[in-house]
Amino acid sequence: MKISAILVAGGSGSRMGTNIPKQFRPLEGKAVVLYSLEVLLQIPQVEEIIVVCPTQFHTLFDNYPVKFALPGLQRQDSVYSGLQHVSDTFEWVTIHDAARPFITKEMVQKLFDAGKNYGASSLAMPVKNTLKEVQPNQNVIRTLDRSKVWEIQTPQLLKKEILQAGFAYAHKHQIAVTDDVSLAELIGHPVHLVASSYQNIKITTPEDWFFAESFSKI
């Protein structure tokens, strides 16, 4: 099982309110993006890594065996850009958000071990809070059945042909998605979820950064 990894590091980090995108900010002396990159480099099945980021940050990876792709306007565009650089010999693609620095080798290996039996899979965890569907004015429509709702994480793992078919469908019908296994859903391919950990947070807001600083010191 040869896997090409797309590490998405093209976001502007506007919700963090800082000049440097959060994936390139130092966390305990190391850029956030390097945490997950170093984990991916430990996985035997990952034989290629494509970092999707602006050119001004390429020097950050001088000591790492990676390829580069330029980011697009939205995350979906950045993943598509990375996909164009996946070598022809790879049948599987895994996509990870650089703003999730706390993945572990065990998490990723668990995804790969389970995901090889499916064409599309993702790390995920059951939601812990009660969820409400609301109207635009924030009046509640209904309470969702929490037992049937999971919070999607990355990495996600897809067969390259399924990812390509999903992108073709999304482009043809001008559909935007916010995660990669949604592309498999668009073409009717089932998606399998693999239980992960609540530590696998995505750093998005200043509050997330505070948690990340605290967690990284443990």
N, C-alpha and C. Protein backbone atom coordinates (compact mmCIF):
# COMPACT_ATOMS: atom_id res chain seq x y z
N MET A 1 0.86 -1.20 0.00
CA MET A 1 0.00 0.00 0.00
C MET A 1 0.89 1.24 0.00
N LYS A 2 1.10 1.81 -1.17
CA LYS A 2 1.90 3.03 -1.29
C LYS A 2 0.98 4.25 -1.22
N ILE A 3 1.33 5.19 -0.35
CA ILE A 3 0.47 6.34 -0.11
C ILE A 3 1.22 7.63 -0.39
N SER A 4 0.57 8.53 -1.10
CA SER A 4 1.07 9.89 -1.29
C SER A 4 0.30 10.80 -0.34
N ALA A 5 1.00 11.59 0.44
CA ALA A 5 0.37 12.47 1.42
C ALA A 5 0.36 13.92 0.93
N ILE A 6 -0.81 14.54 1.03
CA ILE A 6 -0.95 15.96 0.73
C ILE A 6 -1.13 16.69 2.06
N LEU A 7 -0.16 17.53 2.40
CA LEU A 7 -0.20 18.29 3.64
C LEU A 7 -0.66 19.71 3.30
N VAL A 8 -1.87 20.04 3.69
CA VAL A 8 -2.49 21.31 3.29
C VAL A 8 -2.08 22.40 4.27
N ALA A 9 -1.28 23.35 3.78
CA ALA A 9 -0.76 24.43 4.63
C ALA A 9 -0.91 25.77 3.93
N GLY A 10 -2.04 25.95 3.25
CA GLY A 10 -2.21 27.16 2.46
C GLY A 10 -3.14 28.19 3.05
N GLY A 11 -3.76 27.89 4.21
CA GLY A 11 -4.72 28.80 4.80
C GLY A 11 -4.09 30.11 5.27
N SER A 12 -4.89 31.17 5.27
CA SER A 12 -4.39 32.48 5.70
C SER A 12 -4.42 32.66 7.21
N GLY A 13 -5.23 31.85 7.88
CA GLY A 13 -5.33 31.95 9.35
C GLY A 13 -5.98 33.24 9.82
N SER A 14 -6.93 33.75 9.04
CA SER A 14 -7.53 35.04 9.37
C SER A 14 -8.26 35.04 10.70
N ARG A 15 -8.83 33.90 11.08
CA ARG A 15 -9.57 33.85 12.34
C ARG A 15 -8.66 33.88 13.56
N MET A 16 -7.37 33.67 13.35
CA MET A 16 -6.42 33.77 14.46
C MET A 16 -6.06 35.21 14.75
N GLY A 17 -6.24 36.11 13.77
CA GLY A 17 -5.94 37.52 13.97
C GLY A 17 -4.46 37.81 14.08
N THR A 18 -3.61 37.00 13.40
CA THR A 18 -2.16 37.22 13.43
C THR A 18 -1.63 37.41 12.02
N ASN A 19 -0.45 38.00 11.91
CA ASN A 19 0.14 38.24 10.60
C ASN A 19 0.66 36.96 9.95
N ILE A 20 1.15 36.03 10.75
CA ILE A 20 1.68 34.77 10.25
C ILE A 20 0.59 33.70 10.34
N PRO A 21 0.31 32.99 9.24
CA PRO A 21 -0.68 31.91 9.33
C PRO A 21 -0.33 30.93 10.44
N LYS A 22 -1.37 30.44 11.13
CA LYS A 22 -1.10 29.64 12.34
C LYS A 22 -0.26 28.41 12.06
N GLN A 23 -0.35 27.84 10.85
CA GLN A 23 0.41 26.62 10.58
C GLN A 23 1.92 26.86 10.51
N PHE A 24 2.31 28.14 10.41
CA PHE A 24 3.74 28.47 10.37
C PHE A 24 4.23 29.15 11.64
N ARG A 25 3.35 29.39 12.59
CA ARG A 25 3.75 29.99 13.85
C ARG A 25 4.53 28.97 14.69
N PRO A 26 5.52 29.42 15.44
CA PRO A 26 6.26 28.48 16.29
C PRO A 26 5.44 28.07 17.52
N LEU A 27 5.40 26.78 17.76
CA LEU A 27 4.74 26.22 18.92
C LEU A 27 5.79 25.43 19.69
N GLU A 28 6.16 25.92 20.86
CA GLU A 28 7.25 25.32 21.63
C GLU A 28 8.52 25.20 20.78
N GLY A 29 8.79 26.26 20.01
CA GLY A 29 10.04 26.32 19.27
C GLY A 29 10.04 25.65 17.90
N LYS A 30 8.90 25.11 17.46
CA LYS A 30 8.82 24.44 16.17
C LYS A 30 7.55 24.85 15.46
N ALA A 31 7.66 25.13 14.16
CA ALA A 31 6.48 25.53 13.38
C ALA A 31 5.41 24.46 13.45
N VAL A 32 4.16 24.88 13.57
CA VAL A 32 3.04 23.96 13.73
C VAL A 32 3.03 22.90 12.62
N VAL A 33 3.26 23.31 11.39
CA VAL A 33 3.19 22.38 10.26
C VAL A 33 4.19 21.23 10.38
N LEU A 34 5.30 21.46 11.06
CA LEU A 34 6.34 20.43 11.14
C LEU A 34 5.95 19.30 12.08
N TYR A 35 5.04 19.55 13.01
CA TYR A 35 4.61 18.49 13.93
C TYR A 35 4.00 17.32 13.15
N SER A 36 3.01 17.61 12.31
CA SER A 36 2.35 16.55 11.56
C SER A 36 3.23 16.01 10.44
N LEU A 37 4.05 16.87 9.84
CA LEU A 37 4.96 16.41 8.81
C LEU A 37 5.90 15.34 9.35
N GLU A 38 6.45 15.57 10.52
CA GLU A 38 7.39 14.61 11.10
C GLU A 38 6.71 13.29 11.47
N VAL A 39 5.43 13.34 11.80
CA VAL A 39 4.68 12.10 12.04
C VAL A 39 4.50 11.34 10.73
N LEU A 40 4.08 12.04 9.69
CA LEU A 40 3.87 11.38 8.39
C LEU A 40 5.15 10.73 7.88
N LEU A 41 6.28 11.34 8.15
CA LEU A 41 7.56 10.79 7.70
C LEU A 41 7.92 9.48 8.43
N GLN A 42 7.25 9.21 9.54
CA GLN A 42 7.51 7.97 10.28
C GLN A 42 6.67 6.80 9.79
N ILE A 43 5.70 7.06 8.92
CA ILE A 43 4.78 6.01 8.47
C ILE A 43 5.35 5.31 7.24
N PRO A 44 5.61 4.00 7.32
CA PRO A 44 6.27 3.31 6.20
C PRO A 44 5.51 3.41 4.87
N GLN A 45 4.16 3.42 4.93
CA GLN A 45 3.38 3.43 3.69
C GLN A 45 3.45 4.78 2.97
N VAL A 46 3.78 5.85 3.70
CA VAL A 46 3.85 7.17 3.09
C VAL A 46 5.20 7.32 2.39
N GLU A 47 5.18 7.27 1.08
CA GLU A 47 6.42 7.32 0.30
C GLU A 47 6.58 8.62 -0.47
N GLU A 48 5.62 9.53 -0.31
CA GLU A 48 5.69 10.83 -0.98
C GLU A 48 4.87 11.82 -0.17
N ILE A 49 5.41 13.01 0.02
CA ILE A 49 4.68 14.07 0.73
C ILE A 49 4.71 15.34 -0.10
N ILE A 50 3.53 15.89 -0.31
CA ILE A 50 3.38 17.13 -1.06
C ILE A 50 2.85 18.19 -0.11
N VAL A 51 3.64 19.22 0.11
CA VAL A 51 3.24 20.32 0.98
C VAL A 51 2.61 21.42 0.11
N VAL A 52 1.38 21.77 0.41
CA VAL A 52 0.69 22.82 -0.33
C VAL A 52 0.80 24.10 0.49
N CYS A 53 1.65 25.03 0.04
CA CYS A 53 1.86 26.26 0.78
C CYS A 53 2.44 27.33 -0.13
N PRO A 54 2.35 28.61 0.28
CA PRO A 54 2.96 29.69 -0.51
C PRO A 54 4.48 29.52 -0.59
N THR A 55 5.07 30.02 -1.66
CA THR A 55 6.50 29.83 -1.90
C THR A 55 7.37 30.46 -0.82
N GLN A 56 6.90 31.53 -0.17
CA GLN A 56 7.75 32.20 0.83
C GLN A 56 8.02 31.31 2.04
N PHE A 57 7.28 30.21 2.18
CA PHE A 57 7.51 29.32 3.32
C PHE A 57 8.26 28.05 2.93
N HIS A 58 8.67 27.92 1.67
CA HIS A 58 9.33 26.70 1.22
C HIS A 58 10.63 26.43 1.97
N THR A 59 11.35 27.47 2.34
CA THR A 59 12.65 27.27 3.01
C THR A 59 12.49 26.60 4.37
N LEU A 60 11.30 26.66 4.93
CA LEU A 60 11.05 26.00 6.21
C LEU A 60 11.25 24.49 6.11
N PHE A 61 11.13 23.98 4.88
CA PHE A 61 11.19 22.53 4.67
C PHE A 61 12.50 22.08 4.03
N ASP A 62 13.52 22.90 4.11
CA ASP A 62 14.79 22.59 3.44
C ASP A 62 15.38 21.25 3.87
N ASN A 63 15.13 20.85 5.09
CA ASN A 63 15.73 19.61 5.60
C ASN A 63 14.78 18.42 5.54
N TYR A 64 13.69 18.56 4.78
CA TYR A 64 12.69 17.49 4.70
C TYR A 64 12.49 17.06 3.25
N PRO A 65 12.28 15.76 3.01
CA PRO A 65 12.10 15.25 1.64
C PRO A 65 10.66 15.44 1.16
N VAL A 66 10.33 16.63 0.72
CA VAL A 66 8.97 16.93 0.30
C VAL A 66 8.96 17.56 -1.09
N LYS A 67 7.77 17.51 -1.72
CA LYS A 67 7.48 18.23 -2.95
C LYS A 67 6.54 19.38 -2.59
N PHE A 68 6.34 20.30 -3.51
CA PHE A 68 5.50 21.45 -3.23
C PHE A 68 4.42 21.62 -4.29
N ALA A 69 3.30 22.20 -3.84
CA ALA A 69 2.24 22.66 -4.72
C ALA A 69 1.76 23.99 -4.19
N LEU A 70 1.25 24.82 -5.06
CA LEU A 70 0.76 26.13 -4.64
C LEU A 70 -0.69 26.04 -4.17
N PRO A 71 -1.06 26.80 -3.14
CA PRO A 71 -2.43 26.77 -2.64
C PRO A 71 -3.40 27.49 -3.57
N GLY A 72 -4.68 27.16 -3.43
CA GLY A 72 -5.73 27.84 -4.17
C GLY A 72 -6.50 28.79 -3.27
N LEU A 73 -7.59 29.32 -3.77
CA LEU A 73 -8.39 30.28 -3.00
C LEU A 73 -9.04 29.63 -1.79
N GLN A 74 -9.54 28.41 -1.95
CA GLN A 74 -10.19 27.68 -0.87
C GLN A 74 -9.44 26.38 -0.60
N ARG A 75 -9.73 25.76 0.53
CA ARG A 75 -9.05 24.50 0.88
C ARG A 75 -9.23 23.47 -0.22
N GLN A 76 -10.44 23.36 -0.75
CA GLN A 76 -10.72 22.41 -1.81
C GLN A 76 -9.79 22.62 -3.01
N ASP A 77 -9.54 23.88 -3.35
CA ASP A 77 -8.65 24.20 -4.47
C ASP A 77 -7.21 23.80 -4.14
N SER A 78 -6.83 23.96 -2.89
CA SER A 78 -5.46 23.60 -2.48
C SER A 78 -5.25 22.09 -2.55
N VAL A 79 -6.24 21.33 -2.12
CA VAL A 79 -6.13 19.87 -2.20
C VAL A 79 -6.04 19.44 -3.67
N TYR A 80 -6.84 20.06 -4.52
CA TYR A 80 -6.80 19.74 -5.94
C TYR A 80 -5.42 20.06 -6.53
N SER A 81 -4.86 21.17 -6.12
CA SER A 81 -3.52 21.54 -6.57
C SER A 81 -2.50 20.49 -6.15
N GLY A 82 -2.59 20.05 -4.90
CA GLY A 82 -1.69 19.01 -4.44
C GLY A 82 -1.87 17.71 -5.20
N LEU A 83 -3.11 17.37 -5.52
CA LEU A 83 -3.41 16.13 -6.24
C LEU A 83 -2.72 16.10 -7.60
N GLN A 84 -2.56 17.24 -8.22
CA GLN A 84 -1.92 17.30 -9.53
C GLN A 84 -0.44 16.93 -9.46
N HIS A 85 0.13 16.93 -8.27
CA HIS A 85 1.55 16.60 -8.10
C HIS A 85 1.77 15.19 -7.57
N VAL A 86 0.69 14.44 -7.36
CA VAL A 86 0.83 13.06 -6.90
C VAL A 86 1.39 12.22 -8.05
N SER A 87 2.42 11.47 -7.77
CA SER A 87 3.06 10.65 -8.81
C SER A 87 2.11 9.57 -9.31
N ASP A 88 2.29 9.18 -10.56
CA ASP A 88 1.39 8.23 -11.20
C ASP A 88 1.38 6.87 -10.53
N THR A 89 2.45 6.52 -9.85
CA THR A 89 2.58 5.18 -9.27
C THR A 89 1.77 4.99 -7.98
N PHE A 90 1.17 6.06 -7.47
CA PHE A 90 0.46 5.97 -6.19
C PHE A 90 -1.03 5.75 -6.41
N GLU A 91 -1.56 4.72 -5.73
CA GLU A 91 -2.99 4.39 -5.83
C GLU A 91 -3.79 5.06 -4.71
N TRP A 92 -3.13 5.38 -3.61
CA TRP A 92 -3.80 5.95 -2.44
C TRP A 92 -3.26 7.35 -2.14
N VAL A 93 -4.17 8.20 -1.63
CA VAL A 93 -3.80 9.56 -1.24
C VAL A 93 -4.36 9.83 0.15
N THR A 94 -3.53 10.36 1.02
CA THR A 94 -4.01 10.82 2.32
C THR A 94 -3.85 12.33 2.39
N ILE A 95 -4.84 13.00 2.96
CA ILE A 95 -4.82 14.46 3.06
C ILE A 95 -4.90 14.85 4.52
N HIS A 96 -4.02 15.78 4.91
CA HIS A 96 -4.01 16.22 6.30
C HIS A 96 -3.89 17.74 6.37
N ASP A 97 -4.62 18.33 7.32
CA ASP A 97 -4.55 19.78 7.55
C ASP A 97 -3.36 20.08 8.46
N ALA A 98 -2.48 20.97 7.99
CA ALA A 98 -1.29 21.32 8.77
C ALA A 98 -1.63 21.94 10.12
N ALA A 99 -2.83 22.50 10.24
CA ALA A 99 -3.25 23.13 11.49
C ALA A 99 -3.70 22.12 12.54
N ARG A 100 -3.52 20.82 12.26
CA ARG A 100 -3.78 19.76 13.25
C ARG A 100 -2.43 19.14 13.63
N PRO A 101 -1.73 19.73 14.59
CA PRO A 101 -0.37 19.26 14.89
C PRO A 101 -0.28 18.05 15.80
N PHE A 102 -1.41 17.63 16.40
CA PHE A 102 -1.30 16.63 17.45
C PHE A 102 -1.70 15.22 17.02
N ILE A 103 -1.59 14.94 15.72
CA ILE A 103 -1.76 13.55 15.30
C ILE A 103 -0.57 12.73 15.83
N THR A 104 -0.78 11.45 15.93
CA THR A 104 0.28 10.54 16.35
C THR A 104 0.47 9.46 15.29
N LYS A 105 1.60 8.80 15.36
CA LYS A 105 1.85 7.69 14.43
C LYS A 105 0.78 6.62 14.59
N GLU A 106 0.35 6.39 15.82
CA GLU A 106 -0.67 5.36 16.08
C GLU A 106 -2.00 5.73 15.44
N MET A 107 -2.40 7.00 15.52
CA MET A 107 -3.65 7.45 14.88
C MET A 107 -3.61 7.20 13.38
N VAL A 108 -2.52 7.65 12.75
CA VAL A 108 -2.41 7.56 11.30
C VAL A 108 -2.36 6.10 10.87
N GLN A 109 -1.62 5.29 11.59
CA GLN A 109 -1.53 3.88 11.23
C GLN A 109 -2.88 3.19 11.38
N LYS A 110 -3.65 3.58 12.39
CA LYS A 110 -4.98 3.02 12.59
C LYS A 110 -5.88 3.36 11.40
N LEU A 111 -5.79 4.60 10.92
CA LEU A 111 -6.57 5.01 9.75
C LEU A 111 -6.18 4.17 8.53
N PHE A 112 -4.88 4.01 8.32
CA PHE A 112 -4.43 3.28 7.14
C PHE A 112 -4.81 1.80 7.22
N ASP A 113 -4.68 1.20 8.40
CA ASP A 113 -4.99 -0.22 8.56
C ASP A 113 -6.48 -0.48 8.29
N ALA A 114 -7.34 0.41 8.79
CA ALA A 114 -8.77 0.24 8.55
C ALA A 114 -9.16 0.70 7.15
N GLY A 115 -8.55 1.81 6.72
CA GLY A 115 -8.95 2.42 5.46
C GLY A 115 -8.62 1.61 4.23
N LYS A 116 -7.65 0.69 4.31
CA LYS A 116 -7.29 -0.10 3.14
C LYS A 116 -8.42 -1.01 2.69
N ASN A 117 -9.41 -1.21 3.56
CA ASN A 117 -10.57 -2.03 3.22
C ASN A 117 -11.71 -1.21 2.62
N TYR A 118 -11.51 0.09 2.51
CA TYR A 118 -12.53 1.00 1.99
C TYR A 118 -11.87 1.94 0.98
N GLY A 119 -12.66 2.55 0.15
CA GLY A 119 -12.10 3.50 -0.80
C GLY A 119 -11.96 4.90 -0.26
N ALA A 120 -12.65 5.16 0.85
CA ALA A 120 -12.64 6.50 1.45
C ALA A 120 -12.86 6.36 2.95
N SER A 121 -11.98 6.96 3.74
CA SER A 121 -12.11 6.87 5.20
C SER A 121 -11.50 8.10 5.84
N SER A 122 -11.88 8.33 7.09
CA SER A 122 -11.40 9.52 7.80
C SER A 122 -11.32 9.25 9.28
N LEU A 123 -10.35 9.88 9.93
CA LEU A 123 -10.38 9.92 11.39
C LEU A 123 -11.55 10.80 11.82
N ALA A 124 -12.14 10.46 12.94
CA ALA A 124 -13.31 11.20 13.43
C ALA A 124 -13.56 10.82 14.89
N MET A 125 -14.39 11.62 15.55
CA MET A 125 -14.80 11.31 16.92
C MET A 125 -16.26 11.69 17.11
N PRO A 126 -16.98 10.97 17.97
CA PRO A 126 -18.37 11.35 18.27
C PRO A 126 -18.40 12.73 18.92
N VAL A 127 -19.42 13.52 18.61
CA VAL A 127 -19.54 14.84 19.24
C VAL A 127 -19.90 14.65 20.70
N LYS A 128 -19.48 15.59 21.53
CA LYS A 128 -19.72 15.49 22.97
C LYS A 128 -20.87 16.39 23.43
N ASN A 129 -21.20 17.41 22.65
CA ASN A 129 -22.20 18.37 23.07
C ASN A 129 -23.52 18.16 22.33
N THR A 130 -24.59 18.66 22.91
CA THR A 130 -25.88 18.66 22.24
C THR A 130 -25.83 19.63 21.05
N LEU A 131 -26.37 19.21 19.93
CA LEU A 131 -26.33 20.01 18.71
C LEU A 131 -27.74 20.44 18.29
N LYS A 132 -27.88 21.69 17.92
CA LYS A 132 -29.15 22.25 17.46
C LYS A 132 -29.03 22.71 16.01
N GLU A 133 -30.02 22.37 15.20
CA GLU A 133 -30.14 22.96 13.87
C GLU A 133 -30.95 24.24 14.01
N VAL A 134 -30.44 25.35 13.43
CA VAL A 134 -31.09 26.64 13.65
C VAL A 134 -31.42 27.32 12.32
N GLN A 135 -32.33 28.28 12.41
CA GLN A 135 -32.66 29.15 11.29
C GLN A 135 -31.64 30.29 11.21
N PRO A 136 -31.64 31.08 10.11
CA PRO A 136 -30.72 32.21 10.01
C PRO A 136 -30.80 33.19 11.17
N ASN A 137 -31.98 33.31 11.80
CA ASN A 137 -32.13 34.22 12.94
C ASN A 137 -31.78 33.56 14.27
N GLN A 138 -31.22 32.37 14.19
CA GLN A 138 -30.74 31.59 15.34
C GLN A 138 -31.86 31.00 16.18
N ASN A 139 -33.08 30.97 15.68
CA ASN A 139 -34.15 30.22 16.32
C ASN A 139 -33.95 28.74 16.01
N VAL A 140 -34.20 27.88 17.00
CA VAL A 140 -33.94 26.45 16.85
C VAL A 140 -35.01 25.79 15.99
N ILE A 141 -34.56 24.98 15.05
CA ILE A 141 -35.46 24.17 14.25
C ILE A 141 -35.69 22.83 14.94
N ARG A 142 -34.60 22.20 15.33
CA ARG A 142 -34.71 20.90 16.00
C ARG A 142 -33.40 20.55 16.68
N THR A 143 -33.46 19.58 17.57
CA THR A 143 -32.28 19.04 18.23
C THR A 143 -31.86 17.79 17.48
N LEU A 144 -30.59 17.73 17.10
CA LEU A 144 -30.08 16.58 16.37
C LEU A 144 -29.82 15.41 17.32
N ASP A 145 -29.91 14.21 16.78
CA ASP A 145 -29.61 13.01 17.55
C ASP A 145 -28.09 12.89 17.67
N ARG A 146 -27.57 13.25 18.82
CA ARG A 146 -26.13 13.30 19.03
C ARG A 146 -25.46 11.95 18.80
N SER A 147 -26.17 10.87 19.04
CA SER A 147 -25.57 9.54 18.90
C SER A 147 -25.23 9.21 17.44
N LYS A 148 -25.78 10.00 16.51
CA LYS A 148 -25.55 9.74 15.09
C LYS A 148 -24.63 10.78 14.44
N VAL A 149 -24.03 11.65 15.25
CA VAL A 149 -23.22 12.73 14.70
C VAL A 149 -21.77 12.60 15.15
N TRP A 150 -20.86 12.64 14.19
CA TRP A 150 -19.43 12.57 14.48
C TRP A 150 -18.75 13.82 13.95
N GLU A 151 -17.68 14.22 14.62
CA GLU A 151 -16.87 15.35 14.18
C GLU A 151 -15.72 14.83 13.34
N ILE A 152 -15.65 15.31 12.10
CA ILE A 152 -14.66 14.81 11.16
C ILE A 152 -13.30 15.48 11.40
N GLN A 153 -12.25 14.68 11.29
CA GLN A 153 -10.88 15.16 11.45
C GLN A 153 -10.08 14.83 10.18
N THR A 154 -8.82 15.12 10.23
CA THR A 154 -7.88 14.61 9.24
C THR A 154 -6.73 13.97 10.01
N PRO A 155 -5.96 13.08 9.37
CA PRO A 155 -5.94 12.74 7.97
C PRO A 155 -7.19 12.01 7.50
N GLN A 156 -7.38 12.10 6.16
CA GLN A 156 -8.38 11.30 5.49
C GLN A 156 -7.65 10.50 4.41
N LEU A 157 -8.20 9.36 4.05
CA LEU A 157 -7.54 8.45 3.12
C LEU A 157 -8.50 8.07 2.01
N LEU A 158 -8.08 8.26 0.77
CA LEU A 158 -8.93 7.92 -0.36
C LEU A 158 -8.11 7.25 -1.46
N LYS A 159 -8.74 6.36 -2.20
CA LYS A 159 -8.13 5.89 -3.43
C LYS A 159 -8.04 7.07 -4.39
N LYS A 160 -6.95 7.17 -5.09
CA LYS A 160 -6.74 8.32 -5.96
C LYS A 160 -7.84 8.44 -7.01
N GLU A 161 -8.27 7.32 -7.55
CA GLU A 161 -9.30 7.37 -8.60
C GLU A 161 -10.62 7.89 -8.06
N ILE A 162 -10.93 7.59 -6.81
CA ILE A 162 -12.17 8.09 -6.20
C ILE A 162 -12.06 9.58 -5.96
N LEU A 163 -10.91 10.03 -5.47
CA LEU A 163 -10.68 11.46 -5.25
C LEU A 163 -10.78 12.22 -6.57
N GLN A 164 -10.19 11.69 -7.61
CA GLN A 164 -10.24 12.35 -8.92
C GLN A 164 -11.67 12.42 -9.45
N ALA A 165 -12.42 11.33 -9.29
CA ALA A 165 -13.81 11.31 -9.76
C ALA A 165 -14.67 12.29 -8.97
N GLY A 166 -14.41 12.38 -7.66
CA GLY A 166 -15.15 13.32 -6.84
C GLY A 166 -14.89 14.76 -7.23
N PHE A 167 -13.63 15.08 -7.51
CA PHE A 167 -13.29 16.43 -7.95
C PHE A 167 -13.95 16.73 -9.30
N ALA A 168 -13.94 15.77 -10.21
CA ALA A 168 -14.56 15.98 -11.51
C ALA A 168 -16.04 16.31 -11.36
N TYR A 169 -16.71 15.59 -10.47
CA TYR A 169 -18.14 15.84 -10.22
C TYR A 169 -18.35 17.21 -9.59
N ALA A 170 -17.52 17.53 -8.59
CA ALA A 170 -17.66 18.81 -7.89
C ALA A 170 -17.42 19.98 -8.85
N HIS A 171 -16.43 19.87 -9.70
CA HIS A 171 -16.13 20.94 -10.66
C HIS A 171 -17.26 21.10 -11.68
N LYS A 172 -17.77 19.97 -12.16
CA LYS A 172 -18.83 20.02 -13.16
C LYS A 172 -20.09 20.67 -12.62
N HIS A 173 -20.41 20.38 -11.35
CA HIS A 173 -21.65 20.87 -10.76
C HIS A 173 -21.43 22.08 -9.83
N GLN A 174 -20.18 22.57 -9.82
CA GLN A 174 -19.83 23.75 -9.02
C GLN A 174 -20.23 23.58 -7.55
N ILE A 175 -19.80 22.47 -6.98
CA ILE A 175 -20.09 22.13 -5.59
C ILE A 175 -18.85 22.36 -4.75
N ALA A 176 -19.00 23.03 -3.63
CA ALA A 176 -17.90 23.26 -2.70
C ALA A 176 -18.03 22.31 -1.51
N VAL A 177 -16.93 21.73 -1.10
CA VAL A 177 -16.90 20.85 0.07
C VAL A 177 -15.83 21.34 1.03
N THR A 178 -15.96 20.97 2.28
CA THR A 178 -14.99 21.41 3.28
C THR A 178 -14.10 20.29 3.79
N ASP A 179 -14.35 19.06 3.34
CA ASP A 179 -13.42 17.97 3.64
C ASP A 179 -13.37 17.06 2.43
N ASP A 180 -12.46 16.11 2.44
CA ASP A 180 -12.12 15.36 1.23
C ASP A 180 -13.01 14.15 1.00
N VAL A 181 -13.41 13.46 2.08
CA VAL A 181 -14.28 12.31 1.88
C VAL A 181 -15.66 12.73 1.39
N SER A 182 -16.01 14.02 1.53
CA SER A 182 -17.27 14.52 0.95
C SER A 182 -17.27 14.35 -0.56
N LEU A 183 -16.09 14.39 -1.17
CA LEU A 183 -15.99 14.18 -2.61
C LEU A 183 -16.37 12.75 -2.98
N ALA A 184 -16.02 11.80 -2.11
CA ALA A 184 -16.46 10.42 -2.34
C ALA A 184 -17.98 10.31 -2.20
N GLU A 185 -18.53 11.01 -1.21
CA GLU A 185 -19.97 11.00 -1.02
C GLU A 185 -20.70 11.53 -2.25
N LEU A 186 -20.13 12.54 -2.91
CA LEU A 186 -20.77 13.14 -4.08
C LEU A 186 -21.00 12.12 -5.20
N ILE A 187 -20.10 11.15 -5.30
CA ILE A 187 -20.24 10.17 -6.38
C ILE A 187 -20.84 8.86 -5.87
N GLY A 188 -21.39 8.91 -4.64
CA GLY A 188 -22.10 7.76 -4.11
C GLY A 188 -21.23 6.68 -3.52
N HIS A 189 -19.97 6.99 -3.24
CA HIS A 189 -19.09 6.00 -2.64
C HIS A 189 -19.18 6.08 -1.12
N PRO A 190 -19.35 4.96 -0.43
CA PRO A 190 -19.46 4.99 1.04
C PRO A 190 -18.17 5.44 1.70
N VAL A 191 -18.33 6.07 2.86
CA VAL A 191 -17.20 6.59 3.64
C VAL A 191 -17.19 5.89 4.99
N HIS A 192 -16.02 5.45 5.41
CA HIS A 192 -15.86 4.77 6.70
C HIS A 192 -15.13 5.69 7.67
N LEU A 193 -15.64 5.79 8.90
CA LEU A 193 -15.01 6.61 9.93
C LEU A 193 -14.22 5.74 10.90
N VAL A 194 -13.05 6.24 11.26
CA VAL A 194 -12.15 5.54 12.18
C VAL A 194 -11.99 6.39 13.43
N ALA A 195 -12.32 5.82 14.59
CA ALA A 195 -12.25 6.56 15.84
C ALA A 195 -10.82 7.01 16.12
N SER A 196 -10.68 8.28 16.48
CA SER A 196 -9.37 8.89 16.67
C SER A 196 -9.20 9.30 18.12
N SER A 197 -8.99 10.60 18.35
CA SER A 197 -8.80 11.13 19.70
C SER A 197 -9.25 12.58 19.71
N TYR A 198 -9.75 13.04 20.85
CA TYR A 198 -10.15 14.44 20.98
C TYR A 198 -8.94 15.37 21.01
N GLN A 199 -7.75 14.81 21.16
CA GLN A 199 -6.56 15.67 21.15
C GLN A 199 -6.24 16.18 19.74
N ASN A 200 -6.84 15.55 18.73
CA ASN A 200 -6.55 15.91 17.34
C ASN A 200 -7.34 17.15 16.93
N ILE A 201 -7.04 18.26 17.60
CA ILE A 201 -7.78 19.49 17.35
C ILE A 201 -7.20 20.22 16.14
N LYS A 202 -8.03 21.07 15.55
CA LYS A 202 -7.57 21.98 14.50
C LYS A 202 -7.42 23.37 15.10
N ILE A 203 -6.24 23.94 14.98
CA ILE A 203 -6.01 25.28 15.53
C ILE A 203 -6.63 26.30 14.58
N THR A 204 -7.66 26.98 15.06
CA THR A 204 -8.39 27.94 14.23
C THR A 204 -8.51 29.30 14.90
N THR A 205 -8.75 29.31 16.19
CA THR A 205 -9.01 30.55 16.93
C THR A 205 -7.94 30.77 18.00
N PRO A 206 -7.87 31.97 18.57
CA PRO A 206 -6.94 32.21 19.68
C PRO A 206 -7.14 31.24 20.84
N GLU A 207 -8.39 30.84 21.08
CA GLU A 207 -8.66 29.88 22.15
C GLU A 207 -8.01 28.53 21.85
N ASP A 208 -8.05 28.14 20.57
CA ASP A 208 -7.39 26.89 20.17
C ASP A 208 -5.89 26.97 20.39
N TRP A 209 -5.33 28.15 20.10
CA TRP A 209 -3.89 28.32 20.28
C TRP A 209 -3.50 28.18 21.76
N PHE A 210 -4.32 28.71 22.63
CA PHE A 210 -4.07 28.59 24.06
C PHE A 210 -4.06 27.12 24.47
N PHE A 211 -5.02 26.34 23.95
CA PHE A 211 -5.06 24.91 24.25
C PHE A 211 -3.82 24.22 23.69
N ALA A 212 -3.45 24.59 22.45
CA ALA A 212 -2.30 23.95 21.81
C ALA A 212 -1.03 24.20 22.62
N GLU A 213 -0.84 25.43 23.10
CA GLU A 213 0.34 25.74 23.91
C GLU A 213 0.36 24.92 25.18
N SER A 214 -0.80 24.78 25.79
CA SER A 214 -0.89 24.00 27.04
C SER A 214 -0.63 22.53 26.77
N PHE A 215 -1.23 22.00 25.71
CA PHE A 215 -1.12 20.57 25.42
C PHE A 215 0.32 20.20 25.03
N SER A 216 0.98 21.09 24.28
CA SER A 216 2.31 20.78 23.79
C SER A 216 3.34 20.74 24.92
N LYS A 217 2.99 21.26 26.09
CA LYS A 217 3.90 21.25 27.24
C LYS A 217 3.73 20.01 28.11
N ILE A 218 2.71 19.22 27.79
CA ILE A 218 2.45 18.03 28.61
C ILE A 218 3.51 16.95 28.34
